[in-house]
Amino acid sequence: MAQEKGVGNTSVLILKLLEEKDMYGYEMIETLAARSDDTFRLKAGTLYPILHGLEKEGFVTSYEKAAEGRTRKYYRLTEAGKGELAKQTERWNAYAAAVHKVLNGGACCAGI
């Protein structure tokens, strides 16, 4: 299968978080770490370039909102982002299923 253009694995995780609700950067970092048992512990220097790229692609938009006495930049999933998330989720599920088959001895020679 040829490599197709799309967002990276970490970007898909960010899109998934934003599918549930608008979030600010630190909230995404903490939520992703908690849900992954610290497997995905992003630093701000990693997250923000991803967010800027997703915004440039039109998959997320941002806005500022006062919260807890400070102004935070929140990110929101766009309709294009929802479509990209669905497409990338489908690709990931197909990839994961193929890996699972190989690791578990899958159907070696079906149809031959």
C-alpha atoms as a PDB file:
ATOM      1  CA  MET A   1       0.000   0.000   0.000  1.00  0.00           C
ATOM      2  CA  ALA A   2       1.482   3.329  -1.015  1.00  0.00           C
ATOM      3  CA  GLN A   3       1.906   6.086   1.534  1.00  0.00           C
ATOM      4  CA  GLU A   4      -0.981   8.508   1.159  1.00  0.00           C
ATOM      5  CA  LYS A   5      -0.950  12.135   2.113  1.00  0.00           C
ATOM      6  CA  GLY A   6      -2.729  12.905   5.353  1.00  0.00           C
ATOM      7  CA  VAL A   7      -2.140  13.916   8.913  1.00  0.00           C
ATOM      8  CA  GLY A   8       0.333  12.057  11.109  1.00  0.00           C
ATOM      9  CA  ASN A   9      -0.515   9.713  13.958  1.00  0.00           C
ATOM     10  CA  THR A  10      -0.147  12.347  16.670  1.00  0.00           C
ATOM     11  CA  SER A  11      -2.310  14.730  14.655  1.00  0.00           C
ATOM     12  CA  VAL A  12      -5.078  12.119  14.520  1.00  0.00           C
ATOM     13  CA  LEU A  13      -5.018  11.871  18.302  1.00  0.00           C
ATOM     14  CA  ILE A  14      -5.340  15.650  18.581  1.00  0.00           C
ATOM     15  CA  LEU A  15      -8.242  15.671  16.108  1.00  0.00           C
ATOM     16  CA  LYS A  16      -9.935  12.951  18.165  1.00  0.00           C
ATOM     17  CA  LEU A  17      -9.665  15.016  21.351  1.00  0.00           C
ATOM     18  CA  LEU A  18     -11.106  18.041  19.580  1.00  0.00           C
ATOM     19  CA  GLU A  19     -13.983  15.962  18.237  1.00  0.00           C
ATOM     20  CA  GLU A  20     -15.248  15.743  21.820  1.00  0.00           C
ATOM     21  CA  LYS A  21     -14.857  19.411  22.780  1.00  0.00           C
ATOM     22  CA  ASP A  22     -12.859  22.569  22.188  1.00  0.00           C
ATOM     23  CA  MET A  23      -9.603  22.526  24.144  1.00  0.00           C
ATOM     24  CA  TYR A  24      -6.568  24.678  24.847  1.00  0.00           C
ATOM     25  CA  GLY A  25      -3.057  23.321  24.436  1.00  0.00           C
ATOM     26  CA  TYR A  26      -2.182  22.332  27.999  1.00  0.00           C
ATOM     27  CA  GLU A  27      -5.580  20.645  28.334  1.00  0.00           C
ATOM     28  CA  MET A  28      -4.813  18.546  25.249  1.00  0.00           C
ATOM     29  CA  ILE A  29      -1.393  17.596  26.604  1.00  0.00           C
ATOM     30  CA  GLU A  30      -2.841  16.484  29.942  1.00  0.00           C
ATOM     31  CA  THR A  31      -5.848  14.679  28.452  1.00  0.00           C
ATOM     32  CA  LEU A  32      -3.741  12.778  25.935  1.00  0.00           C
ATOM     33  CA  ALA A  33      -1.251  11.739  28.621  1.00  0.00           C
ATOM     34  CA  ALA A  34      -4.017  10.604  30.987  1.00  0.00           C
ATOM     35  CA  ARG A  35      -5.870   8.599  28.344  1.00  0.00           C
ATOM     36  CA  SER A  36      -2.710   6.897  27.132  1.00  0.00           C
ATOM     37  CA  ASP A  37      -1.239   6.096  30.563  1.00  0.00           C
ATOM     38  CA  ASP A  38       1.538   8.589  29.738  1.00  0.00           C
ATOM     39  CA  THR A  39       2.468   6.841  26.473  1.00  0.00           C
ATOM     40  CA  PHE A  40       1.692  10.099  24.657  1.00  0.00           C
ATOM     41  CA  ARG A  41       3.260  12.824  26.788  1.00  0.00           C
ATOM     42  CA  LEU A  42       3.673  15.763  24.402  1.00  0.00           C
ATOM     43  CA  LYS A  43       5.681  18.859  25.099  1.00  0.00           C
ATOM     44  CA  ALA A  44       4.328  22.263  24.109  1.00  0.00           C
ATOM     45  CA  GLY A  45       7.137  22.534  21.538  1.00  0.00           C
ATOM     46  CA  THR A  46       5.745  19.443  19.831  1.00  0.00           C
ATOM     47  CA  LEU A  47       2.033  20.180  20.186  1.00  0.00           C
ATOM     48  CA  TYR A  48       1.856  23.751  18.923  1.00  0.00           C
ATOM     49  CA  PRO A  49       3.534  23.132  15.553  1.00  0.00           C
ATOM     50  CA  ILE A  50       1.064  20.258  15.037  1.00  0.00           C
ATOM     51  CA  LEU A  51      -1.856  22.540  15.897  1.00  0.00           C
ATOM     52  CA  HIS A  52      -0.563  25.268  13.583  1.00  0.00           C
ATOM     53  CA  GLY A  53      -0.257  22.739  10.767  1.00  0.00           C
ATOM     54  CA  LEU A  54      -3.782  21.450  11.384  1.00  0.00           C
ATOM     55  CA  GLU A  55      -5.039  25.020  11.372  1.00  0.00           C
ATOM     56  CA  LYS A  56      -3.211  25.761   8.113  1.00  0.00           C
ATOM     57  CA  GLU A  57      -4.823  22.669   6.533  1.00  0.00           C
ATOM     58  CA  GLY A  58      -8.241  23.877   7.675  1.00  0.00           C
ATOM     59  CA  PHE A  59      -8.817  20.953  10.042  1.00  0.00           C
ATOM     60  CA  VAL A  60      -8.987  23.133  13.166  1.00  0.00           C
ATOM     61  CA  THR A  61      -9.703  26.768  13.958  1.00  0.00           C
ATOM     62  CA  SER A  62      -8.657  28.711  17.024  1.00  0.00           C
ATOM     63  CA  TYR A  63     -10.151  31.451  19.148  1.00  0.00           C
ATOM     64  CA  GLU A  64      -9.285  33.196  22.382  1.00  0.00           C
ATOM     65  CA  LYS A  65     -11.430  32.981  25.482  1.00  0.00           C
ATOM     66  CA  ALA A  66     -11.017  34.277  29.022  1.00  0.00           C
ATOM     67  CA  ALA A  67     -10.892  31.442  31.546  1.00  0.00           C
ATOM     68  CA  GLU A  68      -9.717  31.346  35.138  1.00  0.00           C
ATOM     69  CA  GLY A  69      -8.521  34.934  35.006  1.00  0.00           C
ATOM     70  CA  ARG A  70      -6.446  34.543  31.864  1.00  0.00           C
ATOM     71  CA  THR A  71      -6.966  34.458  28.139  1.00  0.00           C
ATOM     72  CA  ARG A  72      -6.432  31.057  26.555  1.00  0.00           C
ATOM     73  CA  LYS A  73      -6.305  30.004  22.938  1.00  0.00           C
ATOM     74  CA  TYR A  74      -8.816  27.254  22.267  1.00  0.00           C
ATOM     75  CA  TYR A  75      -8.902  24.971  19.250  1.00  0.00           C
ATOM     76  CA  ARG A  76     -12.038  23.649  17.550  1.00  0.00           C
ATOM     77  CA  LEU A  77     -12.456  20.847  15.008  1.00  0.00           C
ATOM     78  CA  THR A  78     -13.837  21.998  11.640  1.00  0.00           C
ATOM     79  CA  GLU A  79     -16.052  20.027   9.259  1.00  0.00           C
ATOM     80  CA  ALA A  80     -12.955  19.329   7.157  1.00  0.00           C
ATOM     81  CA  GLY A  81     -11.236  18.116  10.322  1.00  0.00           C
ATOM     82  CA  LYS A  82     -14.112  15.757  11.060  1.00  0.00           C
ATOM     83  CA  GLY A  83     -13.789  14.312   7.564  1.00  0.00           C
ATOM     84  CA  GLU A  84     -10.028  13.941   7.902  1.00  0.00           C
ATOM     85  CA  LEU A  85     -10.437  12.262  11.295  1.00  0.00           C
ATOM     86  CA  ALA A  86     -12.915   9.758   9.845  1.00  0.00           C
ATOM     87  CA  LYS A  87     -10.609   9.013   6.901  1.00  0.00           C
ATOM     88  CA  GLN A  88      -7.506   8.608   9.062  1.00  0.00           C
ATOM     89  CA  THR A  89      -9.380   6.494  11.629  1.00  0.00           C
ATOM     90  CA  GLU A  90     -10.484   4.139   8.855  1.00  0.00           C
ATOM     91  CA  ARG A  91      -6.898   3.890   7.553  1.00  0.00           C
ATOM     92  CA  TRP A  92      -5.536   3.276  11.046  1.00  0.00           C
ATOM     93  CA  ASN A  93      -8.109   0.553  11.750  1.00  0.00           C
ATOM     94  CA  ALA A  94      -7.236  -1.225   8.496  1.00  0.00           C
ATOM     95  CA  TYR A  95      -3.516  -0.967   9.288  1.00  0.00           C
ATOM     96  CA  ALA A  96      -3.989  -2.199  12.865  1.00  0.00           C
ATOM     97  CA  ALA A  97      -6.114  -5.124  11.657  1.00  0.00           C
ATOM     98  CA  ALA A  98      -3.416  -6.130   9.168  1.00  0.00           C
ATOM     99  CA  VAL A  99      -0.703  -5.967  11.844  1.00  0.00           C
ATOM    100  CA  HIS A 100      -2.897  -7.997  14.180  1.00  0.00           C
ATOM    101  CA  LYS A 101      -3.352 -10.671  11.505  1.00  0.00           C
ATOM    102  CA  VAL A 102       0.377 -10.910  10.907  1.00  0.00           C
ATOM    103  CA  LEU A 103       1.207 -11.062  14.615  1.00  0.00           C
ATOM    104  CA  ASN A 104      -1.411 -13.734  15.184  1.00  0.00           C
ATOM    105  CA  GLY A 105      -0.686 -15.930  12.187  1.00  0.00           C
ATOM    106  CA  GLY A 106      -3.593 -14.555  10.075  1.00  0.00           C
ATOM    107  CA  ALA A 107      -4.925 -16.175   6.950  1.00  0.00           C
ATOM    108  CA  CYS A 108      -1.688 -16.981   5.159  1.00  0.00           C
ATOM    109  CA  CYS A 109      -2.742 -18.185   1.815  1.00  0.00           C
ATOM    110  CA  ALA A 110      -6.487 -17.744   1.501  1.00  0.00           C
ATOM    111  CA  GLY A 111      -7.731 -18.001  -2.051  1.00  0.00           C
ATOM    112  CA  ILE A 112      -4.534 -19.520  -3.427  1.00  0.00           C
END
